[in-house]
Amino acid sequence: MYNKVMETVEFLNERVEMRPKVAIILGSGLGDLVDYIEEKIEIPYEEIPNFPVSTVAGHAGKLVFGKINGVEVLAMKGRFHYYEGYEMKQVTYPIYVMKQFGIENMIVSNAAGGINKNFKPGTLMLITDFINMFGTNPLIGKNDERFGVRFPDMSEAYSKELISLAKKVAEKNNEKYEEGTYLGTTGPSYETAAEIKMMSIMGADAVGMSTVPETIVANYLGIKVLGISCITNMATGIAQTAHSHEAVVDIAVKTGERFCKWVVDIVSELK
């Protein structure tokens, strides 16, 4: 694993001169953020040694290097999901590469279903904590101390410092947001009404099929994480209509301008 990661890093070092400290993972329908990146260098996943390839609509599948208001960034336009058939080590492989490449702060976004009844489609939610219901953990297996410790702490899975910054930026721009706990599950089927009721009792405010594995690995590697969910639909039993991925992407795209402006202004403060 370590040798594969370093092979990927070496490839990227040869392709780009930038050495960003900030990474952004873009969820379903939120890829328009790359339009705000200047001096772009785009590398399709299929060209990168040892990288998986995204197979989901709404996930373009390329690394984008560039600058946002002068701040160098690395953006993932498209991520990998457990439900695509990848192993957890493959799902989180880019995070290992980011760490070795020099990333210190990671902004992870997603499209999510709303469980908190105070939410509505189009709500932007700062993730304050997560619940892992994947039934597995990306750190299972032999541990390599060159990456991190065997039993990493998760008491501050989402950086309080970055959350405070995001709030300050939102208040300055009069951007409305909510805060809550994100529950990650495998998918790809949407949840039943009974499952959503259970998740609500557990304390979840939103549910999705990503983000948790990446957050776990980022914490393991010592990368600070800021998480933002775009609530694209209300979950089963709360919503009165059937779910579709097309509808999820549509709402995410419509909310994208607000999301992009918020993230751009956050990144601008990370100089």
C-alpha atoms as a PDB file:
ATOM      1  CA  MET A   1       0.000   0.000   0.000  1.00  0.00           C
ATOM      2  CA  TYR A   2       2.708   2.482   0.981  1.00  0.00           C
ATOM      3  CA  ASN A   3       4.713   1.758  -2.164  1.00  0.00           C
ATOM      4  CA  LYS A   4       1.616   2.171  -4.359  1.00  0.00           C
ATOM      5  CA  VAL A   5       0.801   5.492  -2.705  1.00  0.00           C
ATOM      6  CA  MET A   6       4.340   6.768  -3.229  1.00  0.00           C
ATOM      7  CA  GLU A   7       4.212   5.667  -6.879  1.00  0.00           C
ATOM      8  CA  THR A   8       1.063   7.764  -7.330  1.00  0.00           C
ATOM      9  CA  VAL A   9       2.632  10.728  -5.528  1.00  0.00           C
ATOM     10  CA  GLU A  10       5.722  10.515  -7.729  1.00  0.00           C
ATOM     11  CA  PHE A  11       3.502  10.572 -10.831  1.00  0.00           C
ATOM     12  CA  LEU A  12       1.687  13.684  -9.582  1.00  0.00           C
ATOM     13  CA  ASN A  13       4.937  15.382  -8.628  1.00  0.00           C
ATOM     14  CA  GLU A  14       6.076  14.982 -12.219  1.00  0.00           C
ATOM     15  CA  ARG A  15       2.810  16.347 -13.651  1.00  0.00           C
ATOM     16  CA  VAL A  16       2.257  19.420 -11.443  1.00  0.00           C
ATOM     17  CA  GLU A  17       4.493  22.010  -9.819  1.00  0.00           C
ATOM     18  CA  MET A  18       1.880  23.123  -7.289  1.00  0.00           C
ATOM     19  CA  ARG A  19       2.067  21.805  -3.729  1.00  0.00           C
ATOM     20  CA  PRO A  20      -1.381  22.591  -2.285  1.00  0.00           C
ATOM     21  CA  LYS A  21      -2.165  22.290   1.421  1.00  0.00           C
ATOM     22  CA  VAL A  22      -5.943  22.255   0.838  1.00  0.00           C
ATOM     23  CA  ALA A  23      -7.968  19.446  -0.752  1.00  0.00           C
ATOM     24  CA  ILE A  24     -11.645  19.475  -1.705  1.00  0.00           C
ATOM     25  CA  ILE A  25     -13.761  16.372  -2.376  1.00  0.00           C
ATOM     26  CA  LEU A  26     -16.830  17.237  -4.428  1.00  0.00           C
ATOM     27  CA  GLY A  27     -20.028  15.249  -3.959  1.00  0.00           C
ATOM     28  CA  SER A  28     -22.830  14.438  -6.424  1.00  0.00           C
ATOM     29  CA  GLY A  29     -23.835  17.493  -8.442  1.00  0.00           C
ATOM     30  CA  LEU A  30     -21.352  19.775  -6.656  1.00  0.00           C
ATOM     31  CA  GLY A  31     -18.594  19.612  -9.262  1.00  0.00           C
ATOM     32  CA  ASP A  32     -19.192  23.170 -10.496  1.00  0.00           C
ATOM     33  CA  LEU A  33     -16.746  24.373  -7.858  1.00  0.00           C
ATOM     34  CA  VAL A  34     -13.940  23.607 -10.315  1.00  0.00           C
ATOM     35  CA  ASP A  35     -15.189  26.569 -12.396  1.00  0.00           C
ATOM     36  CA  TYR A  36     -13.878  28.796  -9.607  1.00  0.00           C
ATOM     37  CA  ILE A  37     -10.403  27.272  -9.821  1.00  0.00           C
ATOM     38  CA  GLU A  38      -7.820  29.194 -11.836  1.00  0.00           C
ATOM     39  CA  GLU A  39      -4.655  27.950 -13.539  1.00  0.00           C
ATOM     40  CA  LYS A  40      -6.250  24.495 -13.711  1.00  0.00           C
ATOM     41  CA  ILE A  41      -4.379  21.300 -14.384  1.00  0.00           C
ATOM     42  CA  GLU A  42      -6.816  18.403 -14.816  1.00  0.00           C
ATOM     43  CA  ILE A  43      -5.768  14.767 -14.642  1.00  0.00           C
ATOM     44  CA  PRO A  44      -8.359  12.018 -15.358  1.00  0.00           C
ATOM     45  CA  TYR A  45      -8.368   9.252 -12.769  1.00  0.00           C
ATOM     46  CA  GLU A  46      -7.703   6.594 -15.402  1.00  0.00           C
ATOM     47  CA  GLU A  47      -4.313   8.184 -16.117  1.00  0.00           C
ATOM     48  CA  ILE A  48      -3.189   8.095 -12.484  1.00  0.00           C
ATOM     49  CA  PRO A  49      -1.277   4.972 -11.359  1.00  0.00           C
ATOM     50  CA  ASN A  50      -3.179   2.829  -8.815  1.00  0.00           C
ATOM     51  CA  PHE A  51      -6.227   5.147  -8.789  1.00  0.00           C
ATOM     52  CA  PRO A  52      -9.743   3.694  -8.977  1.00  0.00           C
ATOM     53  CA  VAL A  53     -12.178   5.139 -11.544  1.00  0.00           C
ATOM     54  CA  SER A  54     -15.486   6.784 -10.650  1.00  0.00           C
ATOM     55  CA  THR A  55     -18.537   5.052 -12.165  1.00  0.00           C
ATOM     56  CA  VAL A  56     -21.415   7.183 -10.859  1.00  0.00           C
ATOM     57  CA  ALA A  57     -23.415   9.843 -12.727  1.00  0.00           C
ATOM     58  CA  GLY A  58     -22.610  13.284 -11.330  1.00  0.00           C
ATOM     59  CA  HIS A  59     -18.997  12.291 -10.589  1.00  0.00           C
ATOM     60  CA  ALA A  60     -16.715  13.397 -13.426  1.00  0.00           C
ATOM     61  CA  GLY A  61     -13.622  11.466 -12.337  1.00  0.00           C
ATOM     62  CA  LYS A  62     -10.573  13.716 -12.360  1.00  0.00           C
ATOM     63  CA  LEU A  63      -8.106  15.466 -10.085  1.00  0.00           C
ATOM     64  CA  VAL A  64      -8.033  19.218 -10.553  1.00  0.00           C
ATOM     65  CA  PHE A  65      -5.061  21.281  -9.391  1.00  0.00           C
ATOM     66  CA  GLY A  66      -5.177  25.072  -9.379  1.00  0.00           C
ATOM     67  CA  LYS A  67      -5.757  28.181  -7.303  1.00  0.00           C
ATOM     68  CA  ILE A  68      -8.745  29.744  -5.580  1.00  0.00           C
ATOM     69  CA  ASN A  69      -8.050  33.412  -4.850  1.00  0.00           C
ATOM     70  CA  GLY A  70      -4.356  32.636  -4.823  1.00  0.00           C
ATOM     71  CA  VAL A  71      -4.626  29.579  -2.574  1.00  0.00           C
ATOM     72  CA  GLU A  72      -3.356  26.382  -4.176  1.00  0.00           C
ATOM     73  CA  VAL A  73      -5.909  23.557  -4.050  1.00  0.00           C
ATOM     74  CA  LEU A  74      -6.336  19.953  -5.105  1.00  0.00           C
ATOM     75  CA  ALA A  75      -9.932  19.041  -5.951  1.00  0.00           C
ATOM     76  CA  MET A  76     -11.453  15.626  -6.523  1.00  0.00           C
ATOM     77  CA  LYS A  77     -14.249  16.026  -9.057  1.00  0.00           C
ATOM     78  CA  GLY A  78     -15.886  12.697  -8.353  1.00  0.00           C
ATOM     79  CA  ARG A  79     -15.233  10.255  -5.556  1.00  0.00           C
ATOM     80  CA  PHE A  80     -15.328   6.492  -5.024  1.00  0.00           C
ATOM     81  CA  HIS A  81     -18.047   4.636  -3.136  1.00  0.00           C
ATOM     82  CA  TYR A  82     -18.150   1.326  -1.316  1.00  0.00           C
ATOM     83  CA  TYR A  83     -21.323   0.396  -3.228  1.00  0.00           C
ATOM     84  CA  GLU A  84     -19.431   0.541  -6.524  1.00  0.00           C
ATOM     85  CA  GLY A  85     -17.736  -2.666  -5.477  1.00  0.00           C
ATOM     86  CA  TYR A  86     -14.475  -1.127  -4.341  1.00  0.00           C
ATOM     87  CA  GLU A  87     -12.773  -2.225  -1.151  1.00  0.00           C
ATOM     88  CA  MET A  88     -12.498   0.407   1.572  1.00  0.00           C
ATOM     89  CA  LYS A  89      -8.772   0.799   0.936  1.00  0.00           C
ATOM     90  CA  GLN A  90      -9.615   1.739  -2.672  1.00  0.00           C
ATOM     91  CA  VAL A  91     -12.421   4.088  -1.643  1.00  0.00           C
ATOM     92  CA  THR A  92     -10.027   5.995   0.619  1.00  0.00           C
ATOM     93  CA  TYR A  93      -6.866   5.597  -1.462  1.00  0.00           C
ATOM     94  CA  PRO A  94      -6.856   9.259  -2.601  1.00  0.00           C
ATOM     95  CA  ILE A  95      -6.680  10.429   1.023  1.00  0.00           C
ATOM     96  CA  TYR A  96      -3.427   8.513   1.552  1.00  0.00           C
ATOM     97  CA  VAL A  97      -2.067  10.141  -1.594  1.00  0.00           C
ATOM     98  CA  MET A  98      -3.168  13.588  -0.397  1.00  0.00           C
ATOM     99  CA  LYS A  99      -1.300  13.197   2.869  1.00  0.00           C
ATOM    100  CA  GLN A 100       1.940  12.179   1.193  1.00  0.00           C
ATOM    101  CA  PHE A 101       1.468  15.016  -1.295  1.00  0.00           C
ATOM    102  CA  GLY A 102       1.347  17.527   1.573  1.00  0.00           C
ATOM    103  CA  ILE A 103      -2.369  18.155   2.158  1.00  0.00           C
ATOM    104  CA  GLU A 104      -3.133  19.527   5.640  1.00  0.00           C
ATOM    105  CA  ASN A 105      -6.810  20.542   5.377  1.00  0.00           C
ATOM    106  CA  MET A 106      -9.586  18.670   3.567  1.00  0.00           C
ATOM    107  CA  ILE A 107     -13.074  19.940   2.747  1.00  0.00           C
ATOM    108  CA  VAL A 108     -15.371  17.023   2.044  1.00  0.00           C
ATOM    109  CA  SER A 109     -18.844  17.525   0.588  1.00  0.00           C
ATOM    110  CA  ASN A 110     -21.773  15.299  -0.229  1.00  0.00           C
ATOM    111  CA  ALA A 111     -25.378  15.158  -1.312  1.00  0.00           C
ATOM    112  CA  ALA A 112     -27.425  13.782   1.579  1.00  0.00           C
ATOM    113  CA  GLY A 113     -30.954  12.907   2.617  1.00  0.00           C
ATOM    114  CA  GLY A 114     -32.471  15.013   5.367  1.00  0.00           C
ATOM    115  CA  ILE A 115     -33.565  13.231   8.549  1.00  0.00           C
ATOM    116  CA  ASN A 116     -33.891  16.309  10.739  1.00  0.00           C
ATOM    117  CA  LYS A 117     -37.423  17.558  10.056  1.00  0.00           C
ATOM    118  CA  ASN A 118     -36.281  21.168  10.386  1.00  0.00           C
ATOM    119  CA  PHE A 119     -34.311  20.716   7.166  1.00  0.00           C
ATOM    120  CA  LYS A 120     -35.578  21.026   3.613  1.00  0.00           C
ATOM    121  CA  PRO A 121     -34.089  20.327   0.171  1.00  0.00           C
ATOM    122  CA  GLY A 122     -31.400  22.906  -0.510  1.00  0.00           C
ATOM    123  CA  THR A 123     -30.247  23.156   3.117  1.00  0.00           C
ATOM    124  CA  LEU A 124     -26.471  23.303   3.607  1.00  0.00           C
ATOM    125  CA  MET A 125     -25.380  21.429   6.742  1.00  0.00           C
ATOM    126  CA  LEU A 126     -22.050  21.724   8.516  1.00  0.00           C
ATOM    127  CA  ILE A 127     -21.152  18.219   9.668  1.00  0.00           C
ATOM    128  CA  THR A 128     -20.252  18.223  13.359  1.00  0.00           C
ATOM    129  CA  ASP A 129     -19.932  14.441  13.798  1.00  0.00           C
ATOM    130  CA  PHE A 130     -20.637  11.146  12.051  1.00  0.00           C
ATOM    131  CA  ILE A 131     -22.182   7.749  12.675  1.00  0.00           C
ATOM    132  CA  ASN A 132     -20.540   4.870  10.824  1.00  0.00           C
ATOM    133  CA  MET A 133     -23.127   2.345   9.641  1.00  0.00           C
ATOM    134  CA  PHE A 134     -21.076   0.877   6.817  1.00  0.00           C
ATOM    135  CA  GLY A 135     -20.590  -2.289   8.838  1.00  0.00           C
ATOM    136  CA  THR A 136     -16.845  -2.001   8.320  1.00  0.00           C
ATOM    137  CA  ASN A 137     -13.953   0.428   8.775  1.00  0.00           C
ATOM    138  CA  PRO A 138     -11.357   1.541   6.201  1.00  0.00           C
ATOM    139  CA  LEU A 139      -8.553   0.954   8.726  1.00  0.00           C
ATOM    140  CA  ILE A 140      -9.245  -2.763   9.177  1.00  0.00           C
ATOM    141  CA  GLY A 141      -6.186  -4.844   8.366  1.00  0.00           C
ATOM    142  CA  LYS A 142      -2.486  -4.675   9.144  1.00  0.00           C
ATOM    143  CA  ASN A 143      -1.451  -1.178  10.217  1.00  0.00           C
ATOM    144  CA  ASP A 144       1.473   0.625   8.611  1.00  0.00           C
ATOM    145  CA  GLU A 145       2.988   3.013  11.179  1.00  0.00           C
ATOM    146  CA  ARG A 146       4.327   5.158   8.334  1.00  0.00           C
ATOM    147  CA  PHE A 147       0.734   6.309   7.842  1.00  0.00           C
ATOM    148  CA  GLY A 148      -0.624   6.510  11.382  1.00  0.00           C
ATOM    149  CA  VAL A 149      -1.231   4.825  14.738  1.00  0.00           C
ATOM    150  CA  ARG A 150      -3.158   1.579  15.154  1.00  0.00           C
ATOM    151  CA  PHE A 151      -6.015   3.150  17.164  1.00  0.00           C
ATOM    152  CA  PRO A 152      -6.621   6.718  15.951  1.00  0.00           C
ATOM    153  CA  ASP A 153      -8.700   9.152  17.995  1.00  0.00           C
ATOM    154  CA  MET A 154     -12.044  10.324  16.551  1.00  0.00           C
ATOM    155  CA  SER A 155     -13.071  12.767  19.297  1.00  0.00           C
ATOM    156  CA  GLU A 156     -12.748  15.665  16.841  1.00  0.00           C
ATOM    157  CA  ALA A 157     -13.520  13.967  13.539  1.00  0.00           C
ATOM    158  CA  TYR A 158     -14.466  17.336  12.064  1.00  0.00           C
ATOM    159  CA  SER A 159     -12.044  20.101  13.001  1.00  0.00           C
ATOM    160  CA  LYS A 160     -13.503  22.620  15.448  1.00  0.00           C
ATOM    161  CA  GLU A 161     -11.095  25.179  14.040  1.00  0.00           C
ATOM    162  CA  LEU A 162     -12.363  24.694  10.483  1.00  0.00           C
ATOM    163  CA  ILE A 163     -16.007  24.599  11.626  1.00  0.00           C
ATOM    164  CA  SER A 164     -15.470  27.924  13.421  1.00  0.00           C
ATOM    165  CA  LEU A 165     -13.938  29.382  10.258  1.00  0.00           C
ATOM    166  CA  ALA A 166     -16.836  28.132   8.119  1.00  0.00           C
ATOM    167  CA  LYS A 167     -19.343  29.706  10.508  1.00  0.00           C
ATOM    168  CA  LYS A 168     -17.492  33.022  10.480  1.00  0.00           C
ATOM    169  CA  VAL A 169     -17.464  33.084   6.685  1.00  0.00           C
ATOM    170  CA  ALA A 170     -21.166  32.136   6.483  1.00  0.00           C
ATOM    171  CA  GLU A 171     -22.198  34.836   8.924  1.00  0.00           C
ATOM    172  CA  LYS A 172     -20.126  37.440   7.072  1.00  0.00           C
ATOM    173  CA  ASN A 173     -21.922  36.534   3.831  1.00  0.00           C
ATOM    174  CA  ASN A 174     -25.368  36.033   5.393  1.00  0.00           C
ATOM    175  CA  GLU A 175     -25.283  32.405   4.231  1.00  0.00           C
ATOM    176  CA  LYS A 176     -27.844  30.276   6.042  1.00  0.00           C
ATOM    177  CA  TYR A 177     -26.721  26.851   7.219  1.00  0.00           C
ATOM    178  CA  GLU A 178     -27.590  24.134   9.714  1.00  0.00           C
ATOM    179  CA  GLU A 179     -25.371  21.879  11.808  1.00  0.00           C
ATOM    180  CA  GLY A 180     -25.748  18.185  12.392  1.00  0.00           C
ATOM    181  CA  THR A 181     -24.581  14.597  12.480  1.00  0.00           C
ATOM    182  CA  TYR A 182     -24.068  12.731   9.212  1.00  0.00           C
ATOM    183  CA  LEU A 183     -24.799   9.004   9.113  1.00  0.00           C
ATOM    184  CA  GLY A 184     -22.947   7.011   6.485  1.00  0.00           C
ATOM    185  CA  THR A 185     -24.360   3.775   5.107  1.00  0.00           C
ATOM    186  CA  THR A 186     -23.393   1.520   2.213  1.00  0.00           C
ATOM    187  CA  GLY A 187     -26.238   2.068  -0.257  1.00  0.00           C
ATOM    188  CA  PRO A 188     -26.834   1.845  -3.121  1.00  0.00           C
ATOM    189  CA  SER A 189     -30.516   1.416  -2.255  1.00  0.00           C
ATOM    190  CA  TYR A 190     -32.184   4.293  -0.482  1.00  0.00           C
ATOM    191  CA  GLU A 191     -33.197   3.686   3.119  1.00  0.00           C
ATOM    192  CA  THR A 192     -36.582   2.400   4.232  1.00  0.00           C
ATOM    193  CA  ALA A 193     -38.892   4.428   6.456  1.00  0.00           C
ATOM    194  CA  ALA A 194     -38.139   2.083   9.363  1.00  0.00           C
ATOM    195  CA  GLU A 195     -34.392   2.561   8.890  1.00  0.00           C
ATOM    196  CA  ILE A 196     -34.783   6.340   8.830  1.00  0.00           C
ATOM    197  CA  LYS A 197     -36.812   6.197  12.039  1.00  0.00           C
ATOM    198  CA  MET A 198     -34.020   4.173  13.654  1.00  0.00           C
ATOM    199  CA  MET A 199     -31.368   6.621  12.398  1.00  0.00           C
ATOM    200  CA  SER A 200     -33.330   9.548  13.789  1.00  0.00           C
ATOM    201  CA  ILE A 201     -33.491   7.890  17.211  1.00  0.00           C
ATOM    202  CA  MET A 202     -29.723   7.365  16.995  1.00  0.00           C
ATOM    203  CA  GLY A 203     -29.211  11.101  16.532  1.00  0.00           C
ATOM    204  CA  ALA A 204     -28.588  11.404  12.796  1.00  0.00           C
ATOM    205  CA  ASP A 205     -29.601  14.607  11.017  1.00  0.00           C
ATOM    206  CA  ALA A 206     -28.647  13.500   7.508  1.00  0.00           C
ATOM    207  CA  VAL A 207     -27.824  10.251   5.731  1.00  0.00           C
ATOM    208  CA  GLY A 208     -25.624   9.453   2.774  1.00  0.00           C
ATOM    209  CA  MET A 209     -23.403   6.847   1.138  1.00  0.00           C
ATOM    210  CA  SER A 210     -19.962   8.448   1.420  1.00  0.00           C
ATOM    211  CA  THR A 211     -17.784  10.810   3.508  1.00  0.00           C
ATOM    212  CA  VAL A 212     -17.411   8.668   6.652  1.00  0.00           C
ATOM    213  CA  PRO A 213     -14.612   6.428   5.280  1.00  0.00           C
ATOM    214  CA  GLU A 214     -12.708   9.470   3.974  1.00  0.00           C
ATOM    215  CA  THR A 215     -13.138  11.281   7.291  1.00  0.00           C
ATOM    216  CA  ILE A 216     -11.842   8.308   9.270  1.00  0.00           C
ATOM    217  CA  VAL A 217      -8.739   7.960   7.102  1.00  0.00           C
ATOM    218  CA  ALA A 218      -8.060  11.704   7.085  1.00  0.00           C
ATOM    219  CA  ASN A 219      -8.100  11.758  10.883  1.00  0.00           C
ATOM    220  CA  TYR A 220      -5.858   8.691  10.964  1.00  0.00           C
ATOM    221  CA  LEU A 221      -3.378  10.499   8.708  1.00  0.00           C
ATOM    222  CA  GLY A 222      -3.520  13.776  10.634  1.00  0.00           C
ATOM    223  CA  ILE A 223      -5.467  15.817   8.060  1.00  0.00           C
ATOM    224  CA  LYS A 224      -7.992  18.318   9.442  1.00  0.00           C
ATOM    225  CA  VAL A 225     -11.490  17.827   7.999  1.00  0.00           C
ATOM    226  CA  LEU A 226     -14.388  20.178   7.300  1.00  0.00           C
ATOM    227  CA  GLY A 227     -17.592  18.490   6.139  1.00  0.00           C
ATOM    228  CA  ILE A 228     -20.540  20.081   4.332  1.00  0.00           C
ATOM    229  CA  SER A 229     -23.697  18.233   3.287  1.00  0.00           C
ATOM    230  CA  CYS A 230     -26.122  19.506   0.691  1.00  0.00           C
ATOM    231  CA  ILE A 231     -29.556  18.223   1.717  1.00  0.00           C
ATOM    232  CA  THR A 232     -31.015  17.234  -1.635  1.00  0.00           C
ATOM    233  CA  ASN A 233     -34.113  15.379  -0.466  1.00  0.00           C
ATOM    234  CA  MET A 234     -35.952  14.510   2.709  1.00  0.00           C
ATOM    235  CA  ALA A 235     -35.467  10.882   3.692  1.00  0.00           C
ATOM    236  CA  THR A 236     -37.964   8.045   3.267  1.00  0.00           C
ATOM    237  CA  GLY A 237     -40.963   8.331   5.579  1.00  0.00           C
ATOM    238  CA  ILE A 238     -40.456  12.101   5.775  1.00  0.00           C
ATOM    239  CA  ALA A 239     -40.627  12.779   2.048  1.00  0.00           C
ATOM    240  CA  GLN A 240     -43.898  12.022   0.309  1.00  0.00           C
ATOM    241  CA  THR A 241     -42.303  11.144  -3.025  1.00  0.00           C
ATOM    242  CA  ALA A 242     -40.061   8.376  -4.324  1.00  0.00           C
ATOM    243  CA  HIS A 243     -36.304   8.986  -4.552  1.00  0.00           C
ATOM    244  CA  SER A 244     -34.117   9.110  -7.653  1.00  0.00           C
ATOM    245  CA  HIS A 245     -30.447   9.903  -8.214  1.00  0.00           C
ATOM    246  CA  GLU A 246     -31.424  12.325 -10.993  1.00  0.00           C
ATOM    247  CA  ALA A 247     -33.515  14.373  -8.557  1.00  0.00           C
ATOM    248  CA  VAL A 248     -30.685  14.356  -6.010  1.00  0.00           C
ATOM    249  CA  VAL A 249     -28.183  15.686  -8.563  1.00  0.00           C
ATOM    250  CA  ASP A 250     -30.702  18.289  -9.768  1.00  0.00           C
ATOM    251  CA  ILE A 251     -31.153  19.812  -6.293  1.00  0.00           C
ATOM    252  CA  ALA A 252     -27.400  19.668  -5.653  1.00  0.00           C
ATOM    253  CA  VAL A 253     -26.742  21.577  -8.864  1.00  0.00           C
ATOM    254  CA  LYS A 254     -29.380  24.192  -7.978  1.00  0.00           C
ATOM    255  CA  THR A 255     -27.778  24.634  -4.538  1.00  0.00           C
ATOM    256  CA  GLY A 256     -24.309  24.596  -6.051  1.00  0.00           C
ATOM    257  CA  GLU A 257     -23.856  28.366  -6.388  1.00  0.00           C
ATOM    258  CA  ARG A 258     -24.360  28.932  -2.647  1.00  0.00           C
ATOM    259  CA  PHE A 259     -22.159  25.952  -1.810  1.00  0.00           C
ATOM    260  CA  CYS A 260     -19.395  27.119  -4.152  1.00  0.00           C
ATOM    261  CA  LYS A 261     -19.341  30.677  -2.823  1.00  0.00           C
ATOM    262  CA  TRP A 262     -19.150  29.407   0.752  1.00  0.00           C
ATOM    263  CA  VAL A 263     -16.300  27.005   0.014  1.00  0.00           C
ATOM    264  CA  VAL A 264     -14.411  29.565  -2.095  1.00  0.00           C
ATOM    265  CA  ASP A 265     -14.513  32.065   0.767  1.00  0.00           C
ATOM    266  CA  ILE A 266     -13.461  29.400   3.287  1.00  0.00           C
ATOM    267  CA  VAL A 267     -10.509  28.381   1.127  1.00  0.00           C
ATOM    268  CA  SER A 268      -9.522  32.026   0.707  1.00  0.00           C
ATOM    269  CA  GLU A 269      -9.041  32.204   4.488  1.00  0.00           C
ATOM    270  CA  LEU A 270      -6.703  29.196   4.517  1.00  0.00           C
ATOM    271  CA  LYS A 271      -3.656  31.077   3.227  1.00  0.00           C
END
